[in-house]
């Protein structure tokens, strides 16, 4: 049919992209980032799937009389780790979709 794009070729391209995205998403579980707060006194590590996997607290910051400070440091470090994890995941997935999906501001890919 004239004027109809090569659907078979397009479907193959989409299938390849889906396979690559699945591979990238699997790999994201092994990649990690760390968010720090309090000059490194609290460190939280997250993987590329936005899962917190490790918390490190310097004993100096543990003060039973000031639990609120430790709570604030934990929240700050966790938020930094999750933000960095999300950025990393978006970068990895955009390598797969580059040129195939239009760059639409605010569009996030499924599974993130």
PDB file of N, CA and C in Angstrom:
ATOM      1  N   UNK A   1       0.847  -1.179   0.000  1.00  0.00           N
ATOM      2  CA  UNK A   1       0.000   0.000   0.000  1.00  0.00           C
ATOM      3  C   UNK A   1       0.888   1.236   0.000  1.00  0.00           C
ATOM      4  N   UNK A   2       0.717   2.082  -0.980  1.00  0.00           N
ATOM      5  CA  UNK A   2       1.528   3.290  -1.037  1.00  0.00           C
ATOM      6  C   UNK A   2       1.193   4.231   0.128  1.00  0.00           C
ATOM      7  N   UNK A   3       2.214   4.885   0.653  1.00  0.00           N
ATOM      8  CA  UNK A   3       2.019   5.854   1.719  1.00  0.00           C
ATOM      9  C   UNK A   3       1.964   5.243   3.108  1.00  0.00           C
ATOM     10  N   UNK A   4       1.951   3.916   3.222  1.00  0.00           N
ATOM     11  CA  UNK A   4       1.917   3.264   4.526  1.00  0.00           C
ATOM     12  C   UNK A   4       3.349   2.901   4.909  1.00  0.00           C
ATOM     13  N   UNK A   5       3.803   3.354   6.078  1.00  0.00           N
ATOM     14  CA  UNK A   5       5.177   3.054   6.481  1.00  0.00           C
ATOM     15  C   UNK A   5       5.363   1.549   6.657  1.00  0.00           C
ATOM     16  N   UNK A   6       6.595   1.139   6.607  1.00  0.00           N
ATOM     17  CA  UNK A   6       6.949  -0.264   6.766  1.00  0.00           C
ATOM     18  C   UNK A   6       6.636  -0.693   8.197  1.00  0.00           C
ATOM     19  N   UNK A   7       5.435  -1.234   8.388  1.00  0.00           N
ATOM     20  CA  UNK A   7       4.977  -1.620   9.730  1.00  0.00           C
ATOM     21  C   UNK A   7       5.830  -2.737  10.314  1.00  0.00           C
ATOM     22  N   UNK A   8       6.250  -3.663   9.483  1.00  0.00           N
ATOM     23  CA  UNK A   8       7.065  -4.778   9.964  1.00  0.00           C
ATOM     24  C   UNK A   8       8.389  -4.256  10.528  1.00  0.00           C
ATOM     25  N   UNK A   9       9.004  -3.360   9.808  1.00  0.00           N
ATOM     26  CA  UNK A   9      10.270  -2.780  10.256  1.00  0.00           C
ATOM     27  C   UNK A   9      10.098  -1.970  11.529  1.00  0.00           C
ATOM     28  N   UNK A  10       8.998  -1.232  11.600  1.00  0.00           N
ATOM     29  CA  UNK A  10       8.725  -0.415  12.777  1.00  0.00           C
ATOM     30  C   UNK A  10       8.488  -1.307  13.994  1.00  0.00           C
ATOM     31  N   UNK A  11       7.761  -2.393  13.808  1.00  0.00           N
ATOM     32  CA  UNK A  11       7.483  -3.308  14.915  1.00  0.00           C
ATOM     33  C   UNK A  11       8.774  -3.960  15.417  1.00  0.00           C
ATOM     34  N   UNK A  12       9.667  -4.304  14.489  1.00  0.00           N
ATOM     35  CA  UNK A  12      10.951  -4.896  14.875  1.00  0.00           C
ATOM     36  C   UNK A  12      11.763  -3.895  15.692  1.00  0.00           C
ATOM     37  N   UNK A  13      11.732  -2.648  15.269  1.00  0.00           N
ATOM     38  CA  UNK A  13      12.456  -1.590  15.981  1.00  0.00           C
ATOM     39  C   UNK A  13      11.892  -1.419  17.391  1.00  0.00           C
ATOM     40  N   UNK A  14      10.585  -1.421  17.506  1.00  0.00           N
ATOM     41  CA  UNK A  14       9.938  -1.274  18.814  1.00  0.00           C
ATOM     42  C   UNK A  14      10.277  -2.465  19.704  1.00  0.00           C
ATOM     43  N   UNK A  15      10.273  -3.653  19.133  1.00  0.00           N
ATOM     44  CA  UNK A  15      10.597  -4.851  19.906  1.00  0.00           C
ATOM     45  C   UNK A  15      12.044  -4.791  20.410  1.00  0.00           C
ATOM     46  N   UNK A  16      12.966  -4.342  19.550  1.00  0.00           N
ATOM     47  CA  UNK A  16      14.376  -4.210  19.964  1.00  0.00           C
ATOM     48  C   UNK A  16      14.501  -3.213  21.115  1.00  0.00           C
ATOM     49  N   UNK A  17      13.784  -2.084  20.979  1.00  0.00           N
ATOM     50  CA  UNK A  17      13.842  -1.065  22.016  1.00  0.00           C
ATOM     51  C   UNK A  17      13.294  -1.618  23.333  1.00  0.00           C
ATOM     52  N   UNK A  18      12.214  -2.377  23.281  1.00  0.00           N
ATOM     53  CA  UNK A  18      11.643  -2.961  24.493  1.00  0.00           C
ATOM     54  C   UNK A  18      12.630  -3.925  25.143  1.00  0.00           C
ATOM     55  N   UNK A  19      13.314  -4.719  24.334  1.00  0.00           N
ATOM     56  CA  UNK A  19      14.302  -5.661  24.870  1.00  0.00           C
ATOM     57  C   UNK A  19      15.455  -4.911  25.535  1.00  0.00           C
ATOM     58  N   UNK A  20      15.930  -3.856  24.875  1.00  0.00           N
ATOM     59  CA  UNK A  20      17.020  -3.071  25.441  1.00  0.00           C
ATOM     60  C   UNK A  20      16.587  -2.387  26.736  1.00  0.00           C
ATOM     61  N   UNK A  21      15.350  -1.877  26.759  1.00  0.00           N
ATOM     62  CA  UNK A  21      14.852  -1.223  27.971  1.00  0.00           C
ATOM     63  C   UNK A  21      14.769  -2.223  29.120  1.00  0.00           C
ATOM     64  N   UNK A  22      14.339  -3.433  28.841  1.00  0.00           N
ATOM     65  CA  UNK A  22      14.264  -4.462  29.881  1.00  0.00           C
ATOM     66  C   UNK A  22      15.660  -4.767  30.422  1.00  0.00           C
ATOM     67  N   UNK A  23      16.647  -4.823  29.534  1.00  0.00           N
ATOM     68  CA  UNK A  23      18.028  -5.071  29.964  1.00  0.00           C
ATOM     69  C   UNK A  23      18.540  -3.926  30.840  1.00  0.00           C
ATOM     70  N   UNK A  24      18.261  -2.703  30.414  1.00  0.00           N
ATOM     71  CA  UNK A  24      18.702  -1.528  31.177  1.00  0.00           C
ATOM     72  C   UNK A  24      18.044  -1.533  32.547  1.00  0.00           C
ATOM     73  N   UNK A  25      16.746  -1.813  32.597  1.00  0.00           N
ATOM     74  CA  UNK A  25      16.044  -1.813  33.880  1.00  0.00           C
ATOM     75  C   UNK A  25      16.599  -2.892  34.806  1.00  0.00           C
ATOM     76  N   UNK A  26      16.957  -4.044  34.270  1.00  0.00           N
ATOM     77  CA  UNK A  26      17.585  -5.079  35.094  1.00  0.00           C
ATOM     78  C   UNK A  26      18.924  -4.591  35.621  1.00  0.00           C
ATOM     79  N   UNK A  27      19.692  -3.938  34.764  1.00  0.00           N
ATOM     80  CA  UNK A  27      21.002  -3.424  35.162  1.00  0.00           C
ATOM     81  C   UNK A  27      20.925  -2.317  36.199  1.00  0.00           C
ATOM     82  N   UNK A  28      19.822  -1.581  36.208  1.00  0.00           N
ATOM     83  CA  UNK A  28      19.676  -0.482  37.161  1.00  0.00           C
ATOM     84  C   UNK A  28      19.654  -0.979  38.605  1.00  0.00           C
ATOM     85  N   UNK A  29      19.213  -2.193  38.793  1.00  0.00           N
ATOM     86  CA  UNK A  29      19.166  -2.739  40.143  1.00  0.00           C
ATOM     87  C   UNK A  29      20.580  -2.878  40.723  1.00  0.00           C
ATOM     88  N   UNK A  30      21.559  -3.101  39.863  1.00  0.00           N
ATOM     89  CA  UNK A  30      22.942  -3.281  40.316  1.00  0.00           C
ATOM     90  C   UNK A  30      23.696  -1.958  40.451  1.00  0.00           C
ATOM     91  N   UNK A  31      23.193  -0.889  39.829  1.00  0.00           N
ATOM     92  CA  UNK A  31      23.873   0.406  39.899  1.00  0.00           C
ATOM     93  C   UNK A  31      23.409   1.152  41.140  1.00  0.00           C
ATOM     94  N   UNK A  32      24.351   1.825  41.789  1.00  0.00           N
ATOM     95  CA  UNK A  32      24.006   2.532  43.022  1.00  0.00           C
ATOM     96  C   UNK A  32      24.480   3.980  43.003  1.00  0.00           C
ATOM     97  N   UNK A  33      23.815   4.786  43.801  1.00  0.00           N
ATOM     98  CA  UNK A  33      24.196   6.176  44.056  1.00  0.00           C
ATOM     99  C   UNK A  33      24.059   6.404  45.557  1.00  0.00           C
ATOM    100  N   UNK A  34      24.777   7.395  46.068  1.00  0.00           N
ATOM    101  CA  UNK A  34      24.731   7.686  47.497  1.00  0.00           C
ATOM    102  C   UNK A  34      24.396   9.150  47.722  1.00  0.00           C
ATOM    103  N   UNK A  35      23.440   9.384  48.616  1.00  0.00           N
ATOM    104  CA  UNK A  35      23.095  10.732  49.039  1.00  0.00           C
ATOM    105  C   UNK A  35      23.681  10.952  50.427  1.00  0.00           C
ATOM    106  N   UNK A  36      24.262  12.131  50.632  1.00  0.00           N
ATOM    107  CA  UNK A  36      24.885  12.443  51.915  1.00  0.00           C
ATOM    108  C   UNK A  36      24.249  13.674  52.534  1.00  0.00           C
ATOM    109  N   UNK A  37      24.317  13.735  53.856  1.00  0.00           N
ATOM    110  CA  UNK A  37      23.855  14.914  54.592  1.00  0.00           C
ATOM    111  C   UNK A  37      24.775  15.104  55.790  1.00  0.00           C
ATOM    112  N   UNK A  38      24.784  16.315  56.309  1.00  0.00           N
ATOM    113  CA  UNK A  38      25.617  16.601  57.477  1.00  0.00           C
ATOM    114  C   UNK A  38      27.097  16.441  57.183  1.00  0.00           C
ATOM    115  N   UNK A  39      27.508  16.847  55.993  1.00  0.00           N
ATOM    116  CA  UNK A  39      28.922  16.737  55.641  1.00  0.00           C
ATOM    117  C   UNK A  39      29.401  15.290  55.576  1.00  0.00           C
ATOM    118  N   UNK A  40      28.517  14.381  55.198  1.00  0.00           N
ATOM    119  CA  UNK A  40      28.883  12.980  55.071  1.00  0.00           C
ATOM    120  C   UNK A  40      28.661  12.168  56.335  1.00  0.00           C
ATOM    121  N   UNK A  41      28.075  12.788  57.351  1.00  0.00           N
ATOM    122  CA  UNK A  41      27.840  12.057  58.599  1.00  0.00           C
ATOM    123  C   UNK A  41      26.713  11.040  58.445  1.00  0.00           C
ATOM    124  N   UNK A  42      25.820  11.281  57.494  1.00  0.00           N
ATOM    125  CA  UNK A  42      24.758  10.326  57.168  1.00  0.00           C
ATOM    126  C   UNK A  42      24.837  10.079  55.672  1.00  0.00           C
ATOM    127  N   UNK A  43      24.921   8.799  55.301  1.00  0.00           N
ATOM    128  CA  UNK A  43      24.986   8.415  53.893  1.00  0.00           C
ATOM    129  C   UNK A  43      23.923   7.350  53.643  1.00  0.00           C
ATOM    130  N   UNK A  44      23.173   7.561  52.571  1.00  0.00           N
ATOM    131  CA  UNK A  44      22.164   6.577  52.194  1.00  0.00           C
ATOM    132  C   UNK A  44      22.400   6.213  50.735  1.00  0.00           C
ATOM    133  N   UNK A  45      22.464   4.914  50.474  1.00  0.00           N
ATOM    134  CA  UNK A  45      22.698   4.403  49.132  1.00  0.00           C
ATOM    135  C   UNK A  45      21.406   3.828  48.585  1.00  0.00           C
ATOM    136  N   UNK A  46      21.147   4.172  47.328  1.00  0.00           N
ATOM    137  CA  UNK A  46      19.961   3.666  46.624  1.00  0.00           C
ATOM    138  C   UNK A  46      20.411   3.046  45.316  1.00  0.00           C
ATOM    139  N   UNK A  47      19.621   2.098  44.817  1.00  0.00           N
ATOM    140  CA  UNK A  47      19.942   1.544  43.504  1.00  0.00           C
ATOM    141  C   UNK A  47      19.130   2.264  42.436  1.00  0.00           C
ATOM    142  N   UNK A  48      19.351   1.888  41.195  1.00  0.00           N
ATOM    143  CA  UNK A  48      18.682   2.536  40.072  1.00  0.00           C
ATOM    144  C   UNK A  48      17.200   2.259  39.989  1.00  0.00           C
ATOM    145  N   UNK A  49      16.688   1.404  40.855  1.00  0.00           N
ATOM    146  CA  UNK A  49      15.257   1.113  40.920  1.00  0.00           C
ATOM    147  C   UNK A  49      14.589   1.920  42.029  1.00  0.00           C
ATOM    148  N   UNK A  50      15.280   2.939  42.526  1.00  0.00           N
ATOM    149  CA  UNK A  50      14.802   3.815  43.594  1.00  0.00           C
ATOM    150  C   UNK A  50      14.495   3.044  44.869  1.00  0.00           C
ATOM    151  N   UNK A  51      15.344   2.083  45.193  1.00  0.00           N
ATOM    152  CA  UNK A  51      15.230   1.333  46.438  1.00  0.00           C
ATOM    153  C   UNK A  51      16.424   1.678  47.315  1.00  0.00           C
ATOM    154  N   UNK A  52      16.146   2.038  48.559  1.00  0.00           N
ATOM    155  CA  UNK A  52      17.226   2.312  49.502  1.00  0.00           C
ATOM    156  C   UNK A  52      17.829   0.969  49.890  1.00  0.00           C
ATOM    157  N   UNK A  53      19.163   0.884  49.806  1.00  0.00           N
ATOM    158  CA  UNK A  53      19.801  -0.404  50.080  1.00  0.00           C
ATOM    159  C   UNK A  53      20.818  -0.357  51.213  1.00  0.00           C
ATOM    160  N   UNK A  54      21.194   0.843  51.640  1.00  0.00           N
ATOM    161  CA  UNK A  54      22.184   0.922  52.716  1.00  0.00           C
ATOM    162  C   UNK A  54      22.095   2.281  53.402  1.00  0.00           C
ATOM    163  N   UNK A  55      22.214   2.253  54.728  1.00  0.00           N
ATOM    164  CA  UNK A  55      22.241   3.489  55.521  1.00  0.00           C
ATOM    165  C   UNK A  55      23.477   3.445  56.405  1.00  0.00           C
ATOM    166  N   UNK A  56      24.263   4.513  56.351  1.00  0.00           N
ATOM    167  CA  UNK A  56      25.447   4.626  57.198  1.00  0.00           C
ATOM    168  C   UNK A  56      25.314   5.887  58.049  1.00  0.00           C
ATOM    169  N   UNK A  57      25.504   5.727  59.356  1.00  0.00           N
ATOM    170  CA  UNK A  57      25.394   6.857  60.272  1.00  0.00           C
ATOM    171  C   UNK A  57      26.676   6.933  61.086  1.00  0.00           C
ATOM    172  N   UNK A  58      27.329   8.088  61.033  1.00  0.00           N
ATOM    173  CA  UNK A  58      28.525   8.306  61.847  1.00  0.00           C
ATOM    174  C   UNK A  58      28.090   8.335  63.316  1.00  0.00           C
ATOM    175  N   UNK A  59      28.736   7.568  64.170  1.00  0.00           N
ATOM    176  CA  UNK A  59      28.342   7.524  65.583  1.00  0.00           C
ATOM    177  C   UNK A  59      28.303   8.897  66.260  1.00  0.00           C
ATOM    178  N   UNK A  60      29.105   9.834  65.768  1.00  0.00           N
ATOM    179  CA  UNK A  60      29.129  11.177  66.365  1.00  0.00           C
ATOM    180  C   UNK A  60      27.779  11.879  66.268  1.00  0.00           C
ATOM    181  N   UNK A  61      26.988  11.528  65.264  1.00  0.00           N
ATOM    182  CA  UNK A  61      25.727  12.229  65.050  1.00  0.00           C
ATOM    183  C   UNK A  61      24.583  11.597  65.856  1.00  0.00           C
ATOM    184  N   UNK A  62      24.845  10.484  66.498  1.00  0.00           N
ATOM    185  CA  UNK A  62      23.808   9.822  67.303  1.00  0.00           C
ATOM    186  C   UNK A  62      23.797  10.434  68.702  1.00  0.00           C
ATOM    187  N   UNK A  63      22.784  11.250  68.944  1.00  0.00           N
ATOM    188  CA  UNK A  63      22.631  11.933  70.222  1.00  0.00           C
ATOM    189  C   UNK A  63      21.197  11.704  70.690  1.00  0.00           C
ATOM    190  N   UNK A  64      21.022  10.903  71.742  1.00  0.00           N
ATOM    191  CA  UNK A  64      19.663  10.601  72.211  1.00  0.00           C
ATOM    192  C   UNK A  64      18.860  11.847  72.573  1.00  0.00           C
ATOM    193  N   UNK A  65      19.546  12.940  72.879  1.00  0.00           N
ATOM    194  CA  UNK A  65      18.862  14.172  73.246  1.00  0.00           C
ATOM    195  C   UNK A  65      18.486  15.024  72.036  1.00  0.00           C
ATOM    196  N   UNK A  66      18.911  14.609  70.856  1.00  0.00           N
ATOM    197  CA  UNK A  66      18.612  15.382  69.642  1.00  0.00           C
ATOM    198  C   UNK A  66      18.258  14.446  68.487  1.00  0.00           C
ATOM    199  N   UNK A  67      17.244  13.637  68.689  1.00  0.00           N
ATOM    200  CA  UNK A  67      16.802  12.699  67.657  1.00  0.00           C
ATOM    201  C   UNK A  67      16.306  13.438  66.420  1.00  0.00           C
ATOM    202  N   UNK A  68      15.756  14.624  66.604  1.00  0.00           N
ATOM    203  CA  UNK A  68      15.215  15.385  65.483  1.00  0.00           C
ATOM    204  C   UNK A  68      16.303  15.712  64.457  1.00  0.00           C
ATOM    205  N   UNK A  69      17.504  16.040  64.910  1.00  0.00           N
ATOM    206  CA  UNK A  69      18.586  16.343  63.981  1.00  0.00           C
ATOM    207  C   UNK A  69      18.921  15.116  63.134  1.00  0.00           C
ATOM    208  N   UNK A  70      19.014  13.952  63.768  1.00  0.00           N
ATOM    209  CA  UNK A  70      19.312  12.724  63.040  1.00  0.00           C
ATOM    210  C   UNK A  70      18.192  12.411  62.045  1.00  0.00           C
ATOM    211  N   UNK A  71      16.967  12.592  62.448  1.00  0.00           N
ATOM    212  CA  UNK A  71      15.834  12.376  61.547  1.00  0.00           C
ATOM    213  C   UNK A  71      15.928  13.282  60.328  1.00  0.00           C
ATOM    214  N   UNK A  72      16.253  14.559  60.552  1.00  0.00           N
ATOM    215  CA  UNK A  72      16.391  15.513  59.444  1.00  0.00           C
ATOM    216  C   UNK A  72      17.521  15.107  58.504  1.00  0.00           C
ATOM    217  N   UNK A  73      18.640  14.669  59.066  1.00  0.00           N
ATOM    218  CA  UNK A  73      19.770  14.237  58.239  1.00  0.00           C
ATOM    219  C   UNK A  73      19.408  12.998  57.417  1.00  0.00           C
ATOM    220  N   UNK A  74      18.688  12.067  58.029  1.00  0.00           N
ATOM    221  CA  UNK A  74      18.271  10.865  57.313  1.00  0.00           C
ATOM    222  C   UNK A  74      17.334  11.213  56.152  1.00  0.00           C
ATOM    223  N   UNK A  75      16.383  12.088  56.406  1.00  0.00           N
ATOM    224  CA  UNK A  75      15.469  12.501  55.342  1.00  0.00           C
ATOM    225  C   UNK A  75      16.211  13.196  54.205  1.00  0.00           C
ATOM    226  N   UNK A  76      17.115  14.087  54.553  1.00  0.00           N
ATOM    227  CA  UNK A  76      17.861  14.817  53.525  1.00  0.00           C
ATOM    228  C   UNK A  76      18.703  13.856  52.687  1.00  0.00           C
ATOM    229  N   UNK A  77      19.402  12.939  53.331  1.00  0.00           N
ATOM    230  CA  UNK A  77      20.243  11.994  52.603  1.00  0.00           C
ATOM    231  C   UNK A  77      19.394  11.057  51.743  1.00  0.00           C
ATOM    232  N   UNK A  78      18.263  10.597  52.270  1.00  0.00           N
ATOM    233  CA  UNK A  78      17.387   9.702  51.513  1.00  0.00           C
ATOM    234  C   UNK A  78      16.834  10.410  50.273  1.00  0.00           C
ATOM    235  N   UNK A  79      16.401  11.647  50.443  1.00  0.00           N
ATOM    236  CA  UNK A  79      15.868  12.389  49.298  1.00  0.00           C
ATOM    237  C   UNK A  79      16.941  12.619  48.239  1.00  0.00           C
ATOM    238  N   UNK A  80      18.159  12.935  48.660  1.00  0.00           N
ATOM    239  CA  UNK A  80      19.252  13.118  47.698  1.00  0.00           C
ATOM    240  C   UNK A  80      19.539  11.818  46.956  1.00  0.00           C
ATOM    241  N   UNK A  81      19.576  10.711  47.676  1.00  0.00           N
ATOM    242  CA  UNK A  81      19.854   9.416  47.051  1.00  0.00           C
ATOM    243  C   UNK A  81      18.768   9.060  46.041  1.00  0.00           C
ATOM    244  N   UNK A  82      17.511   9.268  46.404  1.00  0.00           N
ATOM    245  CA  UNK A  82      16.412   8.937  45.493  1.00  0.00           C
ATOM    246  C   UNK A  82      16.389   9.850  44.267  1.00  0.00           C
ATOM    247  N   UNK A  83      16.686  11.134  44.449  1.00  0.00           N
ATOM    248  CA  UNK A  83      16.746  12.056  43.317  1.00  0.00           C
ATOM    249  C   UNK A  83      17.847  11.640  42.353  1.00  0.00           C
ATOM    250  N   UNK A  84      19.014  11.314  42.901  1.00  0.00           N
ATOM    251  CA  UNK A  84      20.145  10.903  42.065  1.00  0.00           C
ATOM    252  C   UNK A  84      19.848   9.576  41.375  1.00  0.00           C
ATOM    253  N   UNK A  85      19.186   8.668  42.068  1.00  0.00           N
ATOM    254  CA  UNK A  85      18.816   7.379  41.498  1.00  0.00           C
ATOM    255  C   UNK A  85      17.859   7.574  40.319  1.00  0.00           C
ATOM    256  N   UNK A  86      16.887   8.441  40.483  1.00  0.00           N
ATOM    257  CA  UNK A  86      15.938   8.726  39.418  1.00  0.00           C
ATOM    258  C   UNK A  86      16.641   9.347  38.221  1.00  0.00           C
ATOM    259  N   UNK A  87      17.545  10.293  38.469  1.00  0.00           N
ATOM    260  CA  UNK A  87      18.295  10.934  37.384  1.00  0.00           C
ATOM    261  C   UNK A  87      19.110   9.890  36.621  1.00  0.00           C
ATOM    262  N   UNK A  88      19.790   9.005  37.355  1.00  0.00           N
ATOM    263  CA  UNK A  88      20.602   7.966  36.735  1.00  0.00           C
ATOM    264  C   UNK A  88      19.732   7.052  35.873  1.00  0.00           C
ATOM    265  N   UNK A  89      18.587   6.645  36.394  1.00  0.00           N
ATOM    266  CA  UNK A  89      17.691   5.750  35.656  1.00  0.00           C
ATOM    267  C   UNK A  89      17.193   6.421  34.378  1.00  0.00           C
ATOM    268  N   UNK A  90      16.807   7.674  34.472  1.00  0.00           N
ATOM    269  CA  UNK A  90      16.335   8.400  33.285  1.00  0.00           C
ATOM    270  C   UNK A  90      17.433   8.500  32.234  1.00  0.00           C
ATOM    271  N   UNK A  91      18.666   8.756  32.676  1.00  0.00           N
ATOM    272  CA  UNK A  91      19.790   8.844  31.733  1.00  0.00           C
ATOM    273  C   UNK A  91      20.020   7.508  31.035  1.00  0.00           C
ATOM    274  N   UNK A  92      20.011   6.428  31.793  1.00  0.00           N
ATOM    275  CA  UNK A  92      20.245   5.099  31.220  1.00  0.00           C
ATOM    276  C   UNK A  92      19.142   4.732  30.223  1.00  0.00           C
ATOM    277  N   UNK A  93      17.902   4.987  30.581  1.00  0.00           N
ATOM    278  CA  UNK A  93      16.801   4.649  29.688  1.00  0.00           C
ATOM    279  C   UNK A  93      16.757   5.566  28.469  1.00  0.00           C
ATOM    280  N   UNK A  94      17.182   6.808  28.624  1.00  0.00           N
ATOM    281  CA  UNK A  94      17.164   7.716  27.475  1.00  0.00           C
ATOM    282  C   UNK A  94      18.198   7.304  26.440  1.00  0.00           C
ATOM    283  N   UNK A  95      19.256   6.597  26.861  1.00  0.00           N
ATOM    284  CA  UNK A  95      20.236   6.089  25.897  1.00  0.00           C
ATOM    285  C   UNK A  95      19.576   5.090  24.953  1.00  0.00           C
ATOM    286  N   UNK A  96      18.643   4.308  25.469  1.00  0.00           N
ATOM    287  CA  UNK A  96      17.948   3.298  24.672  1.00  0.00           C
ATOM    288  C   UNK A  96      16.921   3.951  23.759  1.00  0.00           C
ATOM    289  N   UNK A  97      16.213   4.942  24.264  1.00  0.00           N
ATOM    290  CA  UNK A  97      15.104   5.523  23.509  1.00  0.00           C
ATOM    291  C   UNK A  97      15.516   6.708  22.649  1.00  0.00           C
ATOM    292  N   UNK A  98      16.769   7.118  22.732  1.00  0.00           N
ATOM    293  CA  UNK A  98      17.239   8.278  21.980  1.00  0.00           C
ATOM    294  C   UNK A  98      16.904   8.141  20.496  1.00  0.00           C
ATOM    295  N   UNK A  99      16.201   9.109  19.971  1.00  0.00           N
ATOM    296  CA  UNK A  99      15.850   9.118  18.560  1.00  0.00           C
ATOM    297  C   UNK A  99      14.601   8.324  18.226  1.00  0.00           C
ATOM    298  N   UNK A 100      14.107   7.546  19.179  1.00  0.00           N
ATOM    299  CA  UNK A 100      12.928   6.730  18.893  1.00  0.00           C
ATOM    300  C   UNK A 100      11.666   7.335  19.508  1.00  0.00           C
ATOM    301  N   UNK A 101      11.811   7.948  20.666  1.00  0.00           N
ATOM    302  CA  UNK A 101      10.677   8.567  21.345  1.00  0.00           C
ATOM    303  C   UNK A 101      10.948  10.066  21.388  1.00  0.00           C
ATOM    304  N   UNK A 102       9.979  10.882  21.009  1.00  0.00           N
ATOM    305  CA  UNK A 102      10.202  12.327  21.036  1.00  0.00           C
ATOM    306  C   UNK A 102      10.516  12.812  22.443  1.00  0.00           C
ATOM    307  N   UNK A 103      11.378  13.810  22.526  1.00  0.00           N
ATOM    308  CA  UNK A 103      11.748  14.388  23.814  1.00  0.00           C
ATOM    309  C   UNK A 103      10.652  15.345  24.250  1.00  0.00           C
ATOM    310  N   UNK A 104       9.783  14.860  25.120  1.00  0.00           N
ATOM    311  CA  UNK A 104       8.661  15.652  25.588  1.00  0.00           C
ATOM    312  C   UNK A 104       8.934  16.035  27.041  1.00  0.00           C
ATOM    313  N   UNK A 105       9.061  17.336  27.339  1.00  0.00           N
ATOM    314  CA  UNK A 105       9.332  17.749  28.713  1.00  0.00           C
ATOM    315  C   UNK A 105       8.294  17.192  29.671  1.00  0.00           C
ATOM    316  N   UNK A 106       8.768  16.661  30.777  1.00  0.00           N
ATOM    317  CA  UNK A 106       7.866  16.134  31.789  1.00  0.00           C
ATOM    318  C   UNK A 106       7.473  14.681  31.568  1.00  0.00           C
ATOM    319  N   UNK A 107       7.843  14.114  30.416  1.00  0.00           N
ATOM    320  CA  UNK A 107       7.509  12.710  30.147  1.00  0.00           C
ATOM    321  C   UNK A 107       8.482  11.816  30.883  1.00  0.00           C
ATOM    322  N   UNK A 108       7.946  10.919  31.687  1.00  0.00           N
ATOM    323  CA  UNK A 108       8.779   9.932  32.345  1.00  0.00           C
ATOM    324  C   UNK A 108       8.420   8.574  31.807  1.00  0.00           C
ATOM    325  N   UNK A 109       9.417   7.736  31.730  1.00  0.00           N
ATOM    326  CA  UNK A 109       9.218   6.415  31.166  1.00  0.00           C
ATOM    327  C   UNK A 109       8.618   5.476  32.191  1.00  0.00           C
ATOM    328  N   UNK A 110       7.816   4.521  31.777  1.00  0.00           N
ATOM    329  CA  UNK A 110       7.195   3.588  32.711  1.00  0.00           C
ATOM    330  C   UNK A 110       8.243   2.738  33.418  1.00  0.00           C
ATOM    331  N   UNK A 111       7.901   2.332  34.628  1.00  0.00           N
ATOM    332  CA  UNK A 111       8.795   1.465  35.385  1.00  0.00           C
ATOM    333  C   UNK A 111       9.767   2.214  36.254  1.00  0.00           C
ATOM    334  N   UNK A 112       9.655   3.549  36.272  1.00  0.00           N
ATOM    335  CA  UNK A 112      10.565   4.338  37.094  1.00  0.00           C
ATOM    336  C   UNK A 112       9.813   4.995  38.219  1.00  0.00           C
TER     337      UNK A 112
END
